PDB file of N, CA and C in Angstrom:
ATOM      1  N   UNK A   1    -128.121 -31.721 -84.652  1.00  0.00           N
ATOM      2  CA  UNK A   1    -128.176 -30.280 -84.850  1.00  0.00           C
ATOM      3  C   UNK A   1    -126.993 -29.805 -85.683  1.00  0.00           C
ATOM      4  N   UNK A   2    -127.275 -28.804 -86.459  1.00  0.00           N
ATOM      5  CA  UNK A   2    -126.243 -28.256 -87.309  1.00  0.00           C
ATOM      6  C   UNK A   2    -125.353 -27.319 -86.512  1.00  0.00           C
ATOM      7  N   UNK A   3    -124.105 -27.357 -86.835  1.00  0.00           N
ATOM      8  CA  UNK A   3    -123.150 -26.485 -86.154  1.00  0.00           C
ATOM      9  C   UNK A   3    -123.251 -25.085 -86.737  1.00  0.00           C
ATOM     10  N   UNK A   4    -122.770 -24.106 -85.990  1.00  0.00           N
ATOM     11  CA  UNK A   4    -122.816 -22.736 -86.512  1.00  0.00           C
ATOM     12  C   UNK A   4    -122.066 -22.593 -87.839  1.00  0.00           C
ATOM     13  N   UNK A   5    -120.984 -23.338 -88.001  1.00  0.00           N
ATOM     14  CA  UNK A   5    -120.219 -23.270 -89.231  1.00  0.00           C
ATOM     15  C   UNK A   5    -121.044 -23.813 -90.400  1.00  0.00           C
ATOM     16  N   UNK A   6    -121.784 -24.898 -90.168  1.00  0.00           N
ATOM     17  CA  UNK A   6    -122.628 -25.484 -91.209  1.00  0.00           C
ATOM     18  C   UNK A   6    -123.754 -24.525 -91.580  1.00  0.00           C
ATOM     19  N   UNK A   7    -124.323 -23.875 -90.570  1.00  0.00           N
ATOM     20  CA  UNK A   7    -125.382 -22.899 -90.835  1.00  0.00           C
ATOM     21  C   UNK A   7    -124.848 -21.734 -91.667  1.00  0.00           C
ATOM     22  N   UNK A   8    -123.648 -21.302 -91.350  1.00  0.00           N
ATOM     23  CA  UNK A   8    -123.030 -20.205 -92.092  1.00  0.00           C
ATOM     24  C   UNK A   8    -122.796 -20.611 -93.541  1.00  0.00           C
ATOM     25  N   UNK A   9    -122.298 -21.805 -93.746  1.00  0.00           N
ATOM     26  CA  UNK A   9    -122.055 -22.292 -95.104  1.00  0.00           C
ATOM     27  C   UNK A   9    -123.361 -22.435 -95.879  1.00  0.00           C
ATOM     28  N   UNK A  10    -124.393 -22.949 -95.180  1.00  0.00           N
ATOM     29  CA  UNK A  10    -125.698 -23.094 -95.826  1.00  0.00           C
ATOM     30  C   UNK A  10    -126.261 -21.730 -96.230  1.00  0.00           C
ATOM     31  N   UNK A  11    -126.129 -20.760 -95.336  1.00  0.00           N
ATOM     32  CA  UNK A  11    -126.594 -19.400 -95.644  1.00  0.00           C
ATOM     33  C   UNK A  11    -125.812 -18.809 -96.804  1.00  0.00           C
ATOM     34  N   UNK A  12    -124.511 -19.050 -96.830  1.00  0.00           N
ATOM     35  CA  UNK A  12    -123.682 -18.531 -97.904  1.00  0.00           C
ATOM     36  C   UNK A  12    -124.063 -19.171 -99.238  1.00  0.00           C
ATOM     37  N   UNK A  13    -124.360 -20.459 -99.220  1.00  0.00           N
ATOM     38  CA  UNK A  13    -124.787 -21.137-100.440  1.00  0.00           C
ATOM     39  C   UNK A  13    -126.113 -20.569-100.953  1.00  0.00           C
ATOM     40  N   UNK A  14    -127.026 -20.316-100.032  1.00  0.00           N
ATOM     41  CA  UNK A  14    -128.313 -19.738-100.423  1.00  0.00           C
ATOM     42  C   UNK A  14    -128.116 -18.343-101.025  1.00  0.00           C
ATOM     43  N   UNK A  15    -127.228 -17.569-100.452  1.00  0.00           N
ATOM     44  CA  UNK A  15    -126.951 -16.227-100.969  1.00  0.00           C
ATOM     45  C   UNK A  15    -126.343 -16.323-102.365  1.00  0.00           C
ATOM     46  N   UNK A  16    -125.412 -17.261-102.558  1.00  0.00           N
ATOM     47  CA  UNK A  16    -124.793 -17.442-103.867  1.00  0.00           C
ATOM     48  C   UNK A  16    -125.822 -17.893-104.900  1.00  0.00           C
ATOM     49  N   UNK A  17    -126.730 -18.778-104.513  1.00  0.00           N
ATOM     50  CA  UNK A  17    -127.787 -19.218-105.422  1.00  0.00           C
ATOM     51  C   UNK A  17    -128.688 -18.048-105.808  1.00  0.00           C
ATOM     52  N   UNK A  18    -129.057 -17.251-104.814  1.00  0.00           N
ATOM     53  CA  UNK A  18    -129.901 -16.087-105.078  1.00  0.00           C
ATOM     54  C   UNK A  18    -129.178 -15.111-106.004  1.00  0.00           C
ATOM     55  N   UNK A  19    -127.885 -14.941-105.792  1.00  0.00           N
ATOM     56  CA  UNK A  19    -127.086 -14.056-106.641  1.00  0.00           C
ATOM     57  C   UNK A  19    -127.092 -14.552-108.079  1.00  0.00           C
ATOM     58  N   UNK A  20    -126.873 -15.846-108.267  1.00  0.00           N
ATOM     59  CA  UNK A  20    -126.853 -16.400-109.616  1.00  0.00           C
ATOM     60  C   UNK A  20    -128.233 -16.320-110.275  1.00  0.00           C
ATOM     61  N   UNK A  21    -129.282 -16.555-109.510  1.00  0.00           N
ATOM     62  CA  UNK A  21    -130.638 -16.428-110.063  1.00  0.00           C
ATOM     63  C   UNK A  21    -130.920 -14.988-110.482  1.00  0.00           C
ATOM     64  N   UNK A  22    -130.504 -14.042-109.647  1.00  0.00           N
ATOM     65  CA  UNK A  22    -130.700 -12.626-109.977  1.00  0.00           C
ATOM     66  C   UNK A  22    -129.888 -12.254-111.211  1.00  0.00           C
ATOM     67  N   UNK A  23    -128.690 -12.792-111.321  1.00  0.00           N
ATOM     68  CA  UNK A  23    -127.847 -12.514-112.484  1.00  0.00           C
ATOM     69  C   UNK A  23    -128.488 -13.058-113.758  1.00  0.00           C
ATOM     70  N   UNK A  24    -129.028 -14.262-113.696  1.00  0.00           N
ATOM     71  CA  UNK A  24    -129.690 -14.857-114.854  1.00  0.00           C
ATOM     72  C   UNK A  24    -130.939 -14.063-115.246  1.00  0.00           C
ATOM     73  N   UNK A  25    -131.723 -13.672-114.242  1.00  0.00           N
ATOM     74  CA  UNK A  25    -132.937 -12.903-114.515  1.00  0.00           C
ATOM     75  C   UNK A  25    -132.594 -11.556-115.144  1.00  0.00           C
ATOM     76  N   UNK A  26    -131.556 -10.916-114.642  1.00  0.00           N
ATOM     77  CA  UNK A  26    -131.127  -9.634-115.193  1.00  0.00           C
ATOM     78  C   UNK A  26    -130.651  -9.796-116.629  1.00  0.00           C
ATOM     79  N   UNK A  27    -129.879 -10.839-116.854  1.00  0.00           N
ATOM     80  CA  UNK A  27    -129.383 -11.104-118.204  1.00  0.00           C
ATOM     81  C   UNK A  27    -130.537 -11.348-119.178  1.00  0.00           C
ATOM     82  N   UNK A  28    -131.520 -12.114-118.772  1.00  0.00           N
ATOM     83  CA  UNK A  28    -132.689 -12.373-119.617  1.00  0.00           C
ATOM     84  C   UNK A  28    -133.480 -11.092-119.880  1.00  0.00           C
ATOM     85  N   UNK A  29    -133.619 -10.260-118.848  1.00  0.00           N
ATOM     86  CA  UNK A  29    -134.360  -9.005-119.006  1.00  0.00           C
ATOM     87  C   UNK A  29    -133.636  -8.075-119.979  1.00  0.00           C
ATOM     88  N   UNK A  30    -132.324  -7.990-119.864  1.00  0.00           N
ATOM     89  CA  UNK A  30    -131.551  -7.138-120.762  1.00  0.00           C
ATOM     90  C   UNK A  30    -131.665  -7.664-122.193  1.00  0.00           C
ATOM     91  N   UNK A  31    -131.577  -8.969-122.368  1.00  0.00           N
ATOM     92  CA  UNK A  31    -131.697  -9.569-123.697  1.00  0.00           C
ATOM     93  C   UNK A  31    -133.085  -9.281-124.291  1.00  0.00           C
ATOM     94  N   UNK A  32    -134.113  -9.406-123.468  1.00  0.00           N
ATOM     95  CA  UNK A  32    -135.478  -9.138-123.926  1.00  0.00           C
ATOM     96  C   UNK A  32    -135.638  -7.675-124.332  1.00  0.00           C
ATOM     97  N   UNK A  33    -135.138  -6.765-123.520  1.00  0.00           N
ATOM     98  CA  UNK A  33    -135.223  -5.337-123.841  1.00  0.00           C
ATOM     99  C   UNK A  33    -134.445  -5.015-125.108  1.00  0.00           C
ATOM    100  N   UNK A  34    -133.304  -5.654-125.264  1.00  0.00           N
ATOM    101  CA  UNK A  34    -132.507  -5.434-126.470  1.00  0.00           C
ATOM    102  C   UNK A  34    -133.279  -5.878-127.709  1.00  0.00           C
ATOM    103  N   UNK A  35    -133.923  -7.028-127.630  1.00  0.00           N
ATOM    104  CA  UNK A  35    -134.704  -7.518-128.770  1.00  0.00           C
ATOM    105  C   UNK A  35    -135.880  -6.596-129.083  1.00  0.00           C
ATOM    106  N   UNK A  36    -136.571  -6.127-128.042  1.00  0.00           N
ATOM    107  CA  UNK A  36    -137.701  -5.224-128.258  1.00  0.00           C
ATOM    108  C   UNK A  36    -137.239  -3.906-128.876  1.00  0.00           C
ATOM    109  N   UNK A  37    -136.106  -3.398-128.405  1.00  0.00           N
ATOM    110  CA  UNK A  37    -135.579  -2.150-128.954  1.00  0.00           C
ATOM    111  C   UNK A  37    -135.200  -2.333-130.418  1.00  0.00           C
ATOM    112  N   UNK A  38    -134.597  -3.471-130.737  1.00  0.00           N
ATOM    113  CA  UNK A  38    -134.219  -3.740-132.131  1.00  0.00           C
ATOM    114  C   UNK A  38    -135.458  -3.834-133.018  1.00  0.00           C
ATOM    115  N   UNK A  39    -136.505  -4.491-132.525  1.00  0.00           N
ATOM    116  CA  UNK A  39    -137.750  -4.603-133.283  1.00  0.00           C
ATOM    117  C   UNK A  39    -138.374  -3.228-133.516  1.00  0.00           C
ATOM    118  N   UNK A  40    -138.395  -2.407-132.467  1.00  0.00           N
ATOM    119  CA  UNK A  40    -138.952  -1.057-132.596  1.00  0.00           C
ATOM    120  C   UNK A  40    -138.139  -0.230-133.588  1.00  0.00           C
ATOM    121  N   UNK A  41    -136.834  -0.364-133.538  1.00  0.00           N
ATOM    122  CA  UNK A  41    -135.971   0.356-134.461  1.00  0.00           C
ATOM    123  C   UNK A  41    -136.239  -0.081-135.892  1.00  0.00           C
ATOM    124  N   UNK A  42    -136.380  -1.377-136.103  1.00  0.00           N
ATOM    125  CA  UNK A  42    -136.660  -1.889-137.450  1.00  0.00           C
ATOM    126  C   UNK A  42    -138.012  -1.394-137.959  1.00  0.00           C
ATOM    127  N   UNK A  43    -139.026  -1.415-137.096  1.00  0.00           N
ATOM    128  CA  UNK A  43    -140.351  -0.930-137.493  1.00  0.00           C
ATOM    129  C   UNK A  43    -140.300   0.558-137.837  1.00  0.00           C
ATOM    130  N   UNK A  44    -139.623   1.332-137.008  1.00  0.00           N
ATOM    131  CA  UNK A  44    -139.495   2.768-137.265  1.00  0.00           C
ATOM    132  C   UNK A  44    -138.755   3.038-138.563  1.00  0.00           C
ATOM    133  N   UNK A  45    -137.728   2.268-138.800  1.00  0.00           N
ATOM    134  CA  UNK A  45    -136.966   2.422-140.026  1.00  0.00           C
ATOM    135  C   UNK A  45    -137.829   2.129-141.250  1.00  0.00           C
ATOM    136  N   UNK A  46    -138.633   1.091-141.163  1.00  0.00           N
ATOM    137  CA  UNK A  46    -139.526   0.761-142.277  1.00  0.00           C
ATOM    138  C   UNK A  46    -140.554   1.864-142.510  1.00  0.00           C
ATOM    139  N   UNK A  47    -141.085   2.431-141.430  1.00  0.00           N
ATOM    140  CA  UNK A  47    -142.059   3.519-141.569  1.00  0.00           C
ATOM    141  C   UNK A  47    -141.423   4.740-142.223  1.00  0.00           C
ATOM    142  N   UNK A  48    -140.201   5.070-141.822  1.00  0.00           N
ATOM    143  CA  UNK A  48    -139.505   6.214-142.407  1.00  0.00           C
ATOM    144  C   UNK A  48    -139.279   5.983-143.899  1.00  0.00           C
ATOM    145  N   UNK A  49    -138.858   4.768-144.253  1.00  0.00           N
ATOM    146  CA  UNK A  49    -138.650   4.458-145.673  1.00  0.00           C
ATOM    147  C   UNK A  49    -139.949   4.576-146.455  1.00  0.00           C
ATOM    148  N   UNK A  50    -141.042   4.107-145.868  1.00  0.00           N
ATOM    149  CA  UNK A  50    -142.341   4.164-146.533  1.00  0.00           C
ATOM    150  C   UNK A  50    -142.781   5.612-146.758  1.00  0.00           C
ATOM    151  N   UNK A  51    -142.667   6.430-145.728  1.00  0.00           N
ATOM    152  CA  UNK A  51    -143.065   7.838-145.845  1.00  0.00           C
ATOM    153  C   UNK A  51    -142.164   8.558-146.838  1.00  0.00           C
ATOM    154  N   UNK A  52    -140.875   8.242-146.829  1.00  0.00           N
ATOM    155  CA  UNK A  52    -139.952   8.857-147.776  1.00  0.00           C
ATOM    156  C   UNK A  52    -140.331   8.502-149.211  1.00  0.00           C
ATOM    157  N   UNK A  53    -140.658   7.254-149.436  1.00  0.00           N
ATOM    158  CA  UNK A  53    -141.080   6.835-150.783  1.00  0.00           C
ATOM    159  C   UNK A  53    -142.361   7.536-151.211  1.00  0.00           C
ATOM    160  N   UNK A  54    -143.304   7.685-150.276  1.00  0.00           N
ATOM    161  CA  UNK A  54    -144.547   8.382-150.596  1.00  0.00           C
ATOM    162  C   UNK A  54    -144.268   9.838-150.963  1.00  0.00           C
ATOM    163  N   UNK A  55    -143.391  10.477-150.189  1.00  0.00           N
ATOM    164  CA  UNK A  55    -143.056  11.872-150.471  1.00  0.00           C
ATOM    165  C   UNK A  55    -142.380  12.001-151.831  1.00  0.00           C
ATOM    166  N   UNK A  56    -141.482  11.076-152.125  1.00  0.00           N
ATOM    167  CA  UNK A  56    -140.820  11.105-153.432  1.00  0.00           C
ATOM    168  C   UNK A  56    -141.836  10.957-154.566  1.00  0.00           C
ATOM    169  N   UNK A  57    -142.788  10.072-154.394  1.00  0.00           N
ATOM    170  CA  UNK A  57    -143.800   9.868-155.432  1.00  0.00           C
ATOM    171  C   UNK A  57    -144.653  11.117-155.640  1.00  0.00           C
ATOM    172  N   UNK A  58    -145.029  11.763-154.547  1.00  0.00           N
ATOM    173  CA  UNK A  58    -145.840  12.980-154.652  1.00  0.00           C
ATOM    174  C   UNK A  58    -145.047  14.070-155.365  1.00  0.00           C
ATOM    175  N   UNK A  59    -143.766  14.194-155.017  1.00  0.00           N
ATOM    176  CA  UNK A  59    -142.931  15.215-155.658  1.00  0.00           C
ATOM    177  C   UNK A  59    -142.788  14.933-157.151  1.00  0.00           C
ATOM    178  N   UNK A  60    -142.621  13.653-157.493  1.00  0.00           N
ATOM    179  CA  UNK A  60    -142.491  13.299-158.914  1.00  0.00           C
ATOM    180  C   UNK A  60    -143.790  13.547-159.680  1.00  0.00           C
ATOM    181  N   UNK A  61    -144.925  13.314-159.024  1.00  0.00           N
ATOM    182  CA  UNK A  61    -146.221  13.495-159.681  1.00  0.00           C
ATOM    183  C   UNK A  61    -146.565  14.966-159.851  1.00  0.00           C
ATOM    184  N   UNK A  62    -146.194  15.796-158.884  1.00  0.00           N
ATOM    185  CA  UNK A  62    -146.558  17.219-158.908  1.00  0.00           C
ATOM    186  C   UNK A  62    -145.349  18.091-158.576  1.00  0.00           C
ATOM    187  N   UNK A  63    -144.413  18.214-159.483  1.00  0.00           N
ATOM    188  CA  UNK A  63    -143.186  18.968-159.175  1.00  0.00           C
ATOM    189  C   UNK A  63    -143.430  20.458-158.943  1.00  0.00           C
ATOM    190  N   UNK A  64    -144.326  21.080-159.698  1.00  0.00           N
ATOM    191  CA  UNK A  64    -144.573  22.511-159.506  1.00  0.00           C
ATOM    192  C   UNK A  64    -145.228  22.799-158.163  1.00  0.00           C
ATOM    193  N   UNK A  65    -146.151  21.950-157.770  1.00  0.00           N
ATOM    194  CA  UNK A  65    -146.781  22.113-156.467  1.00  0.00           C
ATOM    195  C   UNK A  65    -145.740  21.948-155.359  1.00  0.00           C
ATOM    196  N   UNK A  66    -144.839  21.017-155.531  1.00  0.00           N
ATOM    197  CA  UNK A  66    -143.790  20.782-154.530  1.00  0.00           C
ATOM    198  C   UNK A  66    -142.876  21.991-154.406  1.00  0.00           C
ATOM    199  N   UNK A  67    -142.496  22.567-155.541  1.00  0.00           N
ATOM    200  CA  UNK A  67    -141.645  23.756-155.514  1.00  0.00           C
ATOM    201  C   UNK A  67    -142.385  24.915-154.862  1.00  0.00           C
ATOM    202  N   UNK A  68    -143.657  25.066-155.187  1.00  0.00           N
ATOM    203  CA  UNK A  68    -144.457  26.127-154.571  1.00  0.00           C
ATOM    204  C   UNK A  68    -144.568  25.972-153.063  1.00  0.00           C
ATOM    205  N   UNK A  69    -144.785  24.754-152.609  1.00  0.00           N
ATOM    206  CA  UNK A  69    -144.873  24.508-151.164  1.00  0.00           C
ATOM    207  C   UNK A  69    -143.545  24.798-150.473  1.00  0.00           C
ATOM    208  N   UNK A  70    -142.448  24.392-151.117  1.00  0.00           N
ATOM    209  CA  UNK A  70    -141.123  24.659-150.540  1.00  0.00           C
ATOM    210  C   UNK A  70    -140.875  26.163-150.460  1.00  0.00           C
ATOM    211  N   UNK A  71    -141.239  26.895-151.504  1.00  0.00           N
ATOM    212  CA  UNK A  71    -141.081  28.347-151.505  1.00  0.00           C
ATOM    213  C   UNK A  71    -141.913  28.982-150.401  1.00  0.00           C
ATOM    214  N   UNK A  72    -143.161  28.555-150.289  1.00  0.00           N
ATOM    215  CA  UNK A  72    -144.057  29.098-149.270  1.00  0.00           C
ATOM    216  C   UNK A  72    -143.546  28.795-147.868  1.00  0.00           C
ATOM    217  N   UNK A  73    -143.052  27.590-147.648  1.00  0.00           N
ATOM    218  CA  UNK A  73    -142.510  27.233-146.332  1.00  0.00           C
ATOM    219  C   UNK A  73    -141.284  28.081-146.008  1.00  0.00           C
ATOM    220  N   UNK A  74    -140.403  28.289-146.990  1.00  0.00           N
ATOM    221  CA  UNK A  74    -139.225  29.135-146.774  1.00  0.00           C
ATOM    222  C   UNK A  74    -139.603  30.566-146.470  1.00  0.00           C
ATOM    223  N   UNK A  75    -140.580  31.085-147.197  1.00  0.00           N
ATOM    224  CA  UNK A  75    -141.054  32.448-146.959  1.00  0.00           C
ATOM    225  C   UNK A  75    -141.628  32.584-145.549  1.00  0.00           C
ATOM    226  N   UNK A  76    -142.448  31.594-145.142  1.00  0.00           N
ATOM    227  CA  UNK A  76    -143.065  31.644-143.814  1.00  0.00           C
ATOM    228  C   UNK A  76    -142.012  31.589-142.716  1.00  0.00           C
ATOM    229  N   UNK A  77    -141.018  30.750-142.889  1.00  0.00           N
ATOM    230  CA  UNK A  77    -139.945  30.644-141.887  1.00  0.00           C
ATOM    231  C   UNK A  77    -139.163  31.949-141.821  1.00  0.00           C
ATOM    232  N   UNK A  78    -138.897  32.544-142.965  1.00  0.00           N
ATOM    233  CA  UNK A  78    -138.146  33.820-142.961  1.00  0.00           C
ATOM    234  C   UNK A  78    -138.938  34.910-142.255  1.00  0.00           C
ATOM    235  N   UNK A  79    -140.257  34.926-142.412  1.00  0.00           N
ATOM    236  CA  UNK A  79    -141.078  35.936-141.735  1.00  0.00           C
ATOM    237  C   UNK A  79    -141.101  35.680-140.221  1.00  0.00           C
ATOM    238  N   UNK A  80    -141.094  34.416-139.825  1.00  0.00           N
ATOM    239  CA  UNK A  80    -141.106  34.100-138.394  1.00  0.00           C
ATOM    240  C   UNK A  80    -139.770  34.457-137.735  1.00  0.00           C
ATOM    241  N   UNK A  81    -138.687  34.310-138.476  1.00  0.00           N
ATOM    242  CA  UNK A  81    -137.365  34.623-137.931  1.00  0.00           C
ATOM    243  C   UNK A  81    -137.183  36.119-137.727  1.00  0.00           C
ATOM    244  N   UNK A  82    -137.741  36.916-138.650  1.00  0.00           N
ATOM    245  CA  UNK A  82    -137.579  38.383-138.566  1.00  0.00           C
ATOM    246  C   UNK A  82    -138.424  38.955-137.520  1.00  0.00           C
TER     247      UNK A  82
END
């Protein structure tokens, strides 16, 4: 039969193992979330660049229409503010 001291040590070892397993799992989860966040950020950045390029092309193709839209948007905002 195991002595109470041996049982205590065995329990302590099991607790330490569980602690280390939890620490490893947490570390892996944080690393995974970090990678997913970085991927999402990169995708969002690419989408913003794409939309910006499209807007630039439209403005270059139709500068008068772009100026008219900007004027109309400014006028509408000024009316909403007043």
